[in-house]
PDB file of N, CA and C in Angstrom:
ATOM      1  N   MET A   1      23.262  -5.823 -31.633  1.00  0.00           N
ATOM      2  CA  MET A   1      21.955  -6.292 -31.210  1.00  0.00           C
ATOM      3  C   MET A   1      20.856  -5.273 -31.518  1.00  0.00           C
ATOM      4  N   VAL A   2      21.121  -4.013 -31.303  1.00  0.00           N
ATOM      5  CA  VAL A   2      20.086  -3.000 -31.525  1.00  0.00           C
ATOM      6  C   VAL A   2      20.351  -2.194 -32.793  1.00  0.00           C
ATOM      7  N   TYR A   3      21.349  -2.603 -33.547  1.00  0.00           N
ATOM      8  CA  TYR A   3      21.696  -1.971 -34.815  1.00  0.00           C
ATOM      9  C   TYR A   3      21.970  -0.474 -34.668  1.00  0.00           C
ATOM     10  N   MET A   4      22.704  -0.127 -33.620  1.00  0.00           N
ATOM     11  CA  MET A   4      23.128   1.256 -33.391  1.00  0.00           C
ATOM     12  C   MET A   4      24.621   1.263 -33.148  1.00  0.00           C
ATOM     13  N   THR A   5      25.240   2.351 -33.516  1.00  0.00           N
ATOM     14  CA  THR A   5      26.637   2.512 -33.142  1.00  0.00           C
ATOM     15  C   THR A   5      26.675   2.772 -31.633  1.00  0.00           C
ATOM     16  N   GLU A   6      27.844   2.619 -31.058  1.00  0.00           N
ATOM     17  CA  GLU A   6      27.995   2.878 -29.625  1.00  0.00           C
ATOM     18  C   GLU A   6      27.581   4.312 -29.294  1.00  0.00           C
ATOM     19  N   SER A   7      28.006   5.244 -30.115  1.00  0.00           N
ATOM     20  CA  SER A   7      27.688   6.650 -29.910  1.00  0.00           C
ATOM     21  C   SER A   7      26.178   6.897 -29.981  1.00  0.00           C
ATOM     22  N   ASN A   8      25.519   6.333 -30.990  1.00  0.00           N
ATOM     23  CA  ASN A   8      24.071   6.510 -31.113  1.00  0.00           C
ATOM     24  C   ASN A   8      23.327   5.866 -29.955  1.00  0.00           C
ATOM     25  N   PHE A   9      23.796   4.710 -29.523  1.00  0.00           N
ATOM     26  CA  PHE A   9      23.158   4.056 -28.382  1.00  0.00           C
ATOM     27  C   PHE A   9      23.260   4.935 -27.141  1.00  0.00           C
ATOM     28  N   CYS A  10      24.433   5.501 -26.899  1.00  0.00           N
ATOM     29  CA  CYS A  10      24.624   6.349 -25.716  1.00  0.00           C
ATOM     30  C   CYS A  10      23.722   7.579 -25.771  1.00  0.00           C
ATOM     31  N   LYS A  11      23.574   8.175 -26.947  1.00  0.00           N
ATOM     32  CA  LYS A  11      22.674   9.329 -27.104  1.00  0.00           C
ATOM     33  C   LYS A  11      21.226   8.909 -26.862  1.00  0.00           C
ATOM     34  N   PHE A  12      20.824   7.780 -27.413  1.00  0.00           N
ATOM     35  CA  PHE A  12      19.474   7.257 -27.219  1.00  0.00           C
ATOM     36  C   PHE A  12      19.220   6.966 -25.740  1.00  0.00           C
ATOM     37  N   PHE A  13      20.178   6.341 -25.081  1.00  0.00           N
ATOM     38  CA  PHE A  13      20.043   5.994 -23.670  1.00  0.00           C
ATOM     39  C   PHE A  13      19.865   7.250 -22.829  1.00  0.00           C
ATOM     40  N   LYS A  14      20.685   8.258 -23.076  1.00  0.00           N
ATOM     41  CA  LYS A  14      20.619   9.517 -22.323  1.00  0.00           C
ATOM     42  C   LYS A  14      19.270  10.197 -22.551  1.00  0.00           C
ATOM     43  N   LYS A  15      18.810  10.219 -23.785  1.00  0.00           N
ATOM     44  CA  LYS A  15      17.538  10.852 -24.105  1.00  0.00           C
ATOM     45  C   LYS A  15      16.378  10.123 -23.434  1.00  0.00           C
ATOM     46  N   THR A  16      16.457   8.812 -23.378  1.00  0.00           N
ATOM     47  CA  THR A  16      15.378   7.993 -22.830  1.00  0.00           C
ATOM     48  C   THR A  16      15.360   7.975 -21.304  1.00  0.00           C
ATOM     49  N   THR A  17      16.530   7.930 -20.688  1.00  0.00           N
ATOM     50  CA  THR A  17      16.601   7.753 -19.228  1.00  0.00           C
ATOM     51  C   THR A  17      17.024   9.003 -18.465  1.00  0.00           C
ATOM     52  N   THR A  18      17.514   9.996 -19.144  1.00  0.00           N
ATOM     53  CA  THR A  18      18.053  11.253 -18.583  1.00  0.00           C
ATOM     54  C   THR A  18      19.382  11.078 -17.841  1.00  0.00           C
ATOM     55  N   ILE A  19      19.952   9.889 -17.853  1.00  0.00           N
ATOM     56  CA  ILE A  19      21.302   9.696 -17.314  1.00  0.00           C
ATOM     57  C   ILE A  19      22.158   9.038 -18.391  1.00  0.00           C
ATOM     58  N   THR A  20      23.454   9.200 -18.262  1.00  0.00           N
ATOM     59  CA  THR A  20      24.338   8.594 -19.252  1.00  0.00           C
ATOM     60  C   THR A  20      24.445   7.094 -19.008  1.00  0.00           C
ATOM     61  N   PHE A  21      24.797   6.377 -20.061  1.00  0.00           N
ATOM     62  CA  PHE A  21      24.963   4.941 -19.930  1.00  0.00           C
ATOM     63  C   PHE A  21      26.087   4.617 -18.949  1.00  0.00           C
ATOM     64  N   SER A  22      27.175   5.369 -19.002  1.00  0.00           N
ATOM     65  CA  SER A  22      28.294   5.093 -18.090  1.00  0.00           C
ATOM     66  C   SER A  22      27.893   5.339 -16.637  1.00  0.00           C
ATOM     67  N   SER A  23      27.065   6.347 -16.381  1.00  0.00           N
ATOM     68  CA  SER A  23      26.588   6.588 -15.021  1.00  0.00           C
ATOM     69  C   SER A  23      25.688   5.440 -14.557  1.00  0.00           C
ATOM     70  N   TYR A  24      24.832   4.959 -15.442  1.00  0.00           N
ATOM     71  CA  TYR A  24      23.959   3.828 -15.128  1.00  0.00           C
ATOM     72  C   TYR A  24      24.790   2.580 -14.818  1.00  0.00           C
ATOM     73  N   LEU A  25      25.775   2.325 -15.659  1.00  0.00           N
ATOM     74  CA  LEU A  25      26.640   1.166 -15.461  1.00  0.00           C
ATOM     75  C   LEU A  25      27.412   1.281 -14.149  1.00  0.00           C
ATOM     76  N   ASN A  26      27.911   2.474 -13.842  1.00  0.00           N
ATOM     77  CA  ASN A  26      28.618   2.675 -12.575  1.00  0.00           C
ATOM     78  C   ASN A  26      27.689   2.479 -11.386  1.00  0.00           C
ATOM     79  N   ASP A  27      26.429   2.909 -11.502  1.00  0.00           N
ATOM     80  CA  ASP A  27      25.464   2.668 -10.420  1.00  0.00           C
ATOM     81  C   ASP A  27      25.290   1.172 -10.167  1.00  0.00           C
ATOM     82  N   LEU A  28      25.142   0.403 -11.240  1.00  0.00           N
ATOM     83  CA  LEU A  28      25.004  -1.052 -11.095  1.00  0.00           C
ATOM     84  C   LEU A  28      26.244  -1.653 -10.431  1.00  0.00           C
ATOM     85  N   ARG A  29      27.412  -1.222 -10.892  1.00  0.00           N
ATOM     86  CA  ARG A  29      28.656  -1.762 -10.344  1.00  0.00           C
ATOM     87  C   ARG A  29      28.837  -1.380  -8.877  1.00  0.00           C
ATOM     88  N   ILE A  30      28.553  -0.133  -8.532  1.00  0.00           N
ATOM     89  CA  ILE A  30      28.708   0.310  -7.140  1.00  0.00           C
ATOM     90  C   ILE A  30      27.722  -0.427  -6.236  1.00  0.00           C
ATOM     91  N   ASN A  31      26.501  -0.649  -6.703  1.00  0.00           N
ATOM     92  CA  ASN A  31      25.535  -1.428  -5.900  1.00  0.00           C
ATOM     93  C   ASN A  31      26.040  -2.845  -5.654  1.00  0.00           C
ATOM     94  N   ALA A  32      26.630  -3.453  -6.671  1.00  0.00           N
ATOM     95  CA  ALA A  32      27.194  -4.798  -6.509  1.00  0.00           C
ATOM     96  C   ALA A  32      28.360  -4.774  -5.524  1.00  0.00           C
ATOM     97  N   VAL A  33      29.196  -3.763  -5.622  1.00  0.00           N
ATOM     98  CA  VAL A  33      30.327  -3.622  -4.695  1.00  0.00           C
ATOM     99  C   VAL A  33      29.808  -3.493  -3.264  1.00  0.00           C
ATOM    100  N   CYS A  34      28.798  -2.656  -3.046  1.00  0.00           N
ATOM    101  CA  CYS A  34      28.264  -2.440  -1.700  1.00  0.00           C
ATOM    102  C   CYS A  34      27.747  -3.739  -1.093  1.00  0.00           C
ATOM    103  N   LYS A  35      27.032  -4.525  -1.885  1.00  0.00           N
ATOM    104  CA  LYS A  35      26.532  -5.810  -1.387  1.00  0.00           C
ATOM    105  C   LYS A  35      27.682  -6.714  -0.969  1.00  0.00           C
ATOM    106  N   LEU A  36      28.723  -6.763  -1.808  1.00  0.00           N
ATOM    107  CA  LEU A  36      29.865  -7.623  -1.490  1.00  0.00           C
ATOM    108  C   LEU A  36      30.651  -7.106  -0.292  1.00  0.00           C
ATOM    109  N   LEU A  37      30.725  -5.806  -0.133  1.00  0.00           N
ATOM    110  CA  LEU A  37      31.430  -5.246   1.022  1.00  0.00           C
ATOM    111  C   LEU A  37      30.768  -5.664   2.329  1.00  0.00           C
ATOM    112  N   LEU A  38      29.466  -5.852   2.296  1.00  0.00           N
ATOM    113  CA  LEU A  38      28.731  -6.184   3.512  1.00  0.00           C
ATOM    114  C   LEU A  38      28.677  -7.676   3.812  1.00  0.00           C
ATOM    115  N   VAL A  39      28.751  -8.514   2.788  1.00  0.00           N
ATOM    116  CA  VAL A  39      28.603  -9.951   3.025  1.00  0.00           C
ATOM    117  C   VAL A  39      29.919 -10.711   2.923  1.00  0.00           C
ATOM    118  N   SER A  40      30.987 -10.016   2.581  1.00  0.00           N
ATOM    119  CA  SER A  40      32.251 -10.687   2.336  1.00  0.00           C
ATOM    120  C   SER A  40      33.374  -9.970   3.063  1.00  0.00           C
ATOM    121  N   GLU A  41      34.398 -10.712   3.387  1.00  0.00           N
ATOM    122  CA  GLU A  41      35.618 -10.122   3.948  1.00  0.00           C
ATOM    123  C   GLU A  41      36.690  -9.968   2.873  1.00  0.00           C
ATOM    124  N   GLU A  42      36.302 -10.187   1.622  1.00  0.00           N
ATOM    125  CA  GLU A  42      37.218 -10.089   0.478  1.00  0.00           C
ATOM    126  C   GLU A  42      37.866  -8.704   0.430  1.00  0.00           C
ATOM    127  N   ASN A  43      39.080  -8.668  -0.038  1.00  0.00           N
ATOM    128  CA  ASN A  43      39.816  -7.438  -0.223  1.00  0.00           C
ATOM    129  C   ASN A  43      39.029  -6.475  -1.109  1.00  0.00           C
ATOM    130  N   ILE A  44      38.992  -5.205  -0.758  1.00  0.00           N
ATOM    131  CA  ILE A  44      38.231  -4.206  -1.510  1.00  0.00           C
ATOM    132  C   ILE A  44      38.706  -4.129  -2.956  1.00  0.00           C
ATOM    133  N   ASN A  45      40.003  -4.215  -3.181  1.00  0.00           N
ATOM    134  CA  ASN A  45      40.526  -4.172  -4.552  1.00  0.00           C
ATOM    135  C   ASN A  45      39.979  -5.324  -5.382  1.00  0.00           C
ATOM    136  N   ASN A  46      39.958  -6.510  -4.823  1.00  0.00           N
ATOM    137  CA  ASN A  46      39.429  -7.677  -5.542  1.00  0.00           C
ATOM    138  C   ASN A  46      37.946  -7.527  -5.842  1.00  0.00           C
ATOM    139  N   ILE A  47      37.205  -6.970  -4.896  1.00  0.00           N
ATOM    140  CA  ILE A  47      35.779  -6.732  -5.112  1.00  0.00           C
ATOM    141  C   ILE A  47      35.579  -5.753  -6.262  1.00  0.00           C
ATOM    142  N   ALA A  48      36.352  -4.684  -6.267  1.00  0.00           N
ATOM    143  CA  ALA A  48      36.235  -3.681  -7.337  1.00  0.00           C
ATOM    144  C   ALA A  48      36.496  -4.311  -8.700  1.00  0.00           C
ATOM    145  N   TYR A  49      37.559  -5.088  -8.795  1.00  0.00           N
ATOM    146  CA  TYR A  49      37.875  -5.744 -10.069  1.00  0.00           C
ATOM    147  C   TYR A  49      36.786  -6.740 -10.473  1.00  0.00           C
ATOM    148  N   SER A  50      36.270  -7.490  -9.508  1.00  0.00           N
ATOM    149  CA  SER A  50      35.260  -8.499  -9.828  1.00  0.00           C
ATOM    150  C   SER A  50      33.935  -7.867 -10.270  1.00  0.00           C
ATOM    151  N   CYS A  51      33.714  -6.613  -9.911  1.00  0.00           N
ATOM    152  CA  CYS A  51      32.482  -5.916 -10.309  1.00  0.00           C
ATOM    153  C   CYS A  51      32.663  -5.085 -11.581  1.00  0.00           C
ATOM    154  N   GLY A  52      33.814  -5.211 -12.211  1.00  0.00           N
ATOM    155  CA  GLY A  52      33.984  -4.589 -13.525  1.00  0.00           C
ATOM    156  C   GLY A  52      34.831  -3.346 -13.586  1.00  0.00           C
ATOM    157  N   PHE A  53      35.345  -2.895 -12.460  1.00  0.00           N
ATOM    158  CA  PHE A  53      36.222  -1.723 -12.487  1.00  0.00           C
ATOM    159  C   PHE A  53      37.625  -2.170 -12.862  1.00  0.00           C
ATOM    160  N   GLU A  54      38.205  -1.517 -13.845  1.00  0.00           N
ATOM    161  CA  GLU A  54      39.535  -1.898 -14.330  1.00  0.00           C
ATOM    162  C   GLU A  54      40.645  -1.070 -13.702  1.00  0.00           C
ATOM    163  N   SER A  55      40.281   0.025 -13.044  1.00  0.00           N
ATOM    164  CA  SER A  55      41.259   0.912 -12.431  1.00  0.00           C
ATOM    165  C   SER A  55      40.818   1.214 -11.001  1.00  0.00           C
ATOM    166  N   LEU A  56      41.710   1.018 -10.056  1.00  0.00           N
ATOM    167  CA  LEU A  56      41.367   1.283  -8.656  1.00  0.00           C
ATOM    168  C   LEU A  56      41.170   2.773  -8.400  1.00  0.00           C
ATOM    169  N   SER A  57      41.942   3.607  -9.066  1.00  0.00           N
ATOM    170  CA  SER A  57      41.772   5.052  -8.856  1.00  0.00           C
ATOM    171  C   SER A  57      40.401   5.498  -9.360  1.00  0.00           C
ATOM    172  N   TYR A  58      39.974   4.971 -10.507  1.00  0.00           N
ATOM    173  CA  TYR A  58      38.642   5.302 -11.031  1.00  0.00           C
ATOM    174  C   TYR A  58      37.561   4.747 -10.107  1.00  0.00           C
ATOM    175  N   PHE A  59      37.721   3.528  -9.653  1.00  0.00           N
ATOM    176  CA  PHE A  59      36.767   2.929  -8.719  1.00  0.00           C
ATOM    177  C   PHE A  59      36.611   3.790  -7.474  1.00  0.00           C
ATOM    178  N   ASN A  60      37.734   4.175  -6.866  1.00  0.00           N
ATOM    179  CA  ASN A  60      37.671   4.988  -5.650  1.00  0.00           C
ATOM    180  C   ASN A  60      37.003   6.330  -5.895  1.00  0.00           C
ATOM    181  N   ARG A  61      37.276   6.947  -7.033  1.00  0.00           N
ATOM    182  CA  ARG A  61      36.667   8.229  -7.385  1.00  0.00           C
ATOM    183  C   ARG A  61      35.149   8.076  -7.566  1.00  0.00           C
ATOM    184  N   VAL A  62      34.725   7.036  -8.284  1.00  0.00           N
ATOM    185  CA  VAL A  62      33.298   6.807  -8.514  1.00  0.00           C
ATOM    186  C   VAL A  62      32.595   6.465  -7.202  1.00  0.00           C
ATOM    187  N   PHE A  63      33.197   5.599  -6.400  1.00  0.00           N
ATOM    188  CA  PHE A  63      32.584   5.200  -5.131  1.00  0.00           C
ATOM    189  C   PHE A  63      32.399   6.412  -4.230  1.00  0.00           C
ATOM    190  N   LEU A  64      33.414   7.230  -4.106  1.00  0.00           N
ATOM    191  CA  LEU A  64      33.336   8.423  -3.266  1.00  0.00           C
ATOM    192  C   LEU A  64      32.256   9.369  -3.780  1.00  0.00           C
ATOM    193  N   ASN A  65      32.176   9.526  -5.083  1.00  0.00           N
ATOM    194  CA  ASN A  65      31.166  10.397  -5.680  1.00  0.00           C
ATOM    195  C   ASN A  65      29.750   9.875  -5.434  1.00  0.00           C
ATOM    196  N   LYS A  66      29.548   8.583  -5.541  1.00  0.00           N
ATOM    197  CA  LYS A  66      28.205   8.002  -5.404  1.00  0.00           C
ATOM    198  C   LYS A  66      27.777   7.826  -3.950  1.00  0.00           C
ATOM    199  N   LYS A  67      28.714   7.497  -3.068  1.00  0.00           N
ATOM    200  CA  LYS A  67      28.373   7.170  -1.681  1.00  0.00           C
ATOM    201  C   LYS A  67      28.859   8.194  -0.657  1.00  0.00           C
ATOM    202  N   GLN A  68      29.609   9.196  -1.083  1.00  0.00           N
ATOM    203  CA  GLN A  68      30.144  10.242  -0.211  1.00  0.00           C
ATOM    204  C   GLN A  68      31.011   9.699   0.934  1.00  0.00           C
ATOM    205  N   MET A  69      31.606   8.544   0.707  1.00  0.00           N
ATOM    206  CA  MET A  69      32.573   7.974   1.651  1.00  0.00           C
ATOM    207  C   MET A  69      33.414   6.941   0.910  1.00  0.00           C
ATOM    208  N   SER A  70      34.504   6.567   1.522  1.00  0.00           N
ATOM    209  CA  SER A  70      35.379   5.563   0.911  1.00  0.00           C
ATOM    210  C   SER A  70      34.759   4.178   1.050  1.00  0.00           C
ATOM    211  N   PRO A  71      35.195   3.217   0.234  1.00  0.00           N
ATOM    212  CA  PRO A  71      34.689   1.846   0.385  1.00  0.00           C
ATOM    213  C   PRO A  71      34.971   1.270   1.777  1.00  0.00           C
ATOM    214  N   LYS A  72      36.128   1.577   2.313  1.00  0.00           N
ATOM    215  CA  LYS A  72      36.478   1.073   3.652  1.00  0.00           C
ATOM    216  C   LYS A  72      35.537   1.653   4.703  1.00  0.00           C
ATOM    217  N   ALA A  73      35.284   2.959   4.624  1.00  0.00           N
ATOM    218  CA  ALA A  73      34.364   3.593   5.571  1.00  0.00           C
ATOM    219  C   ALA A  73      32.951   3.030   5.410  1.00  0.00           C
ATOM    220  N   PHE A  74      32.535   2.772   4.183  1.00  0.00           N
ATOM    221  CA  PHE A  74      31.217   2.177   3.936  1.00  0.00           C
ATOM    222  C   PHE A  74      31.117   0.826   4.620  1.00  0.00           C
ATOM    223  N   ARG A  75      32.128   0.004   4.454  1.00  0.00           N
ATOM    224  CA  ARG A  75      32.122  -1.342   5.053  1.00  0.00           C
ATOM    225  C   ARG A  75      32.040  -1.240   6.569  1.00  0.00           C
ATOM    226  N   ILE A  76      32.833  -0.380   7.158  1.00  0.00           N
ATOM    227  CA  ILE A  76      32.863  -0.229   8.621  1.00  0.00           C
ATOM    228  C   ILE A  76      31.533   0.317   9.136  1.00  0.00           C
ATOM    229  N   ASN A  77      31.022   1.383   8.507  1.00  0.00           N
ATOM    230  CA  ASN A  77      29.796   2.027   8.980  1.00  0.00           C
ATOM    231  C   ASN A  77      28.568   1.151   8.825  1.00  0.00           C
ATOM    232  N   HIS A  78      28.491   0.373   7.774  1.00  0.00           N
ATOM    233  CA  HIS A  78      27.279  -0.397   7.525  1.00  0.00           C
ATOM    234  C   HIS A  78      27.311  -1.798   8.138  1.00  0.00           C
ATOM    235  N   LYS A  79      28.487  -2.309   8.417  1.00  0.00           N
ATOM    236  CA  LYS A  79      28.547  -3.618   9.095  1.00  0.00           C
ATOM    237  C   LYS A  79      28.208  -3.486  10.570  1.00  0.00           C
ATOM    238  N   ALA A  80      28.443  -2.308  11.123  1.00  0.00           N
ATOM    239  CA  ALA A  80      28.181  -2.095  12.533  1.00  0.00           C
ATOM    240  C   ALA A  80      26.678  -2.029  12.828  1.00  0.00           C
ATOM    241  N   LYS A  81      25.870  -1.758  11.800  1.00  0.00           N
ATOM    242  CA  LYS A  81      24.426  -1.592  12.003  1.00  0.00           C
ATOM    243  C   LYS A  81      23.690  -2.900  11.983  1.00  0.00           C
TER     244      LYS A  81
END
């Protein structure tokens, strides 16, 4: 679509936004996960897969890094409010 290789696109994206494309994509996915955790009783694993994470270990690592808590703790802490 933009006539760039994947590598060139990632370099362009980083230069333009100051964050990597994968970090941006993970932010979008984690935000979608958070919304679903609050409005749904769906299993956390199913939510992670439905938001584009292909590995649960990677999902848990990214979620913990972005939110400083586990998905389960996020659901419990934010549903109580």
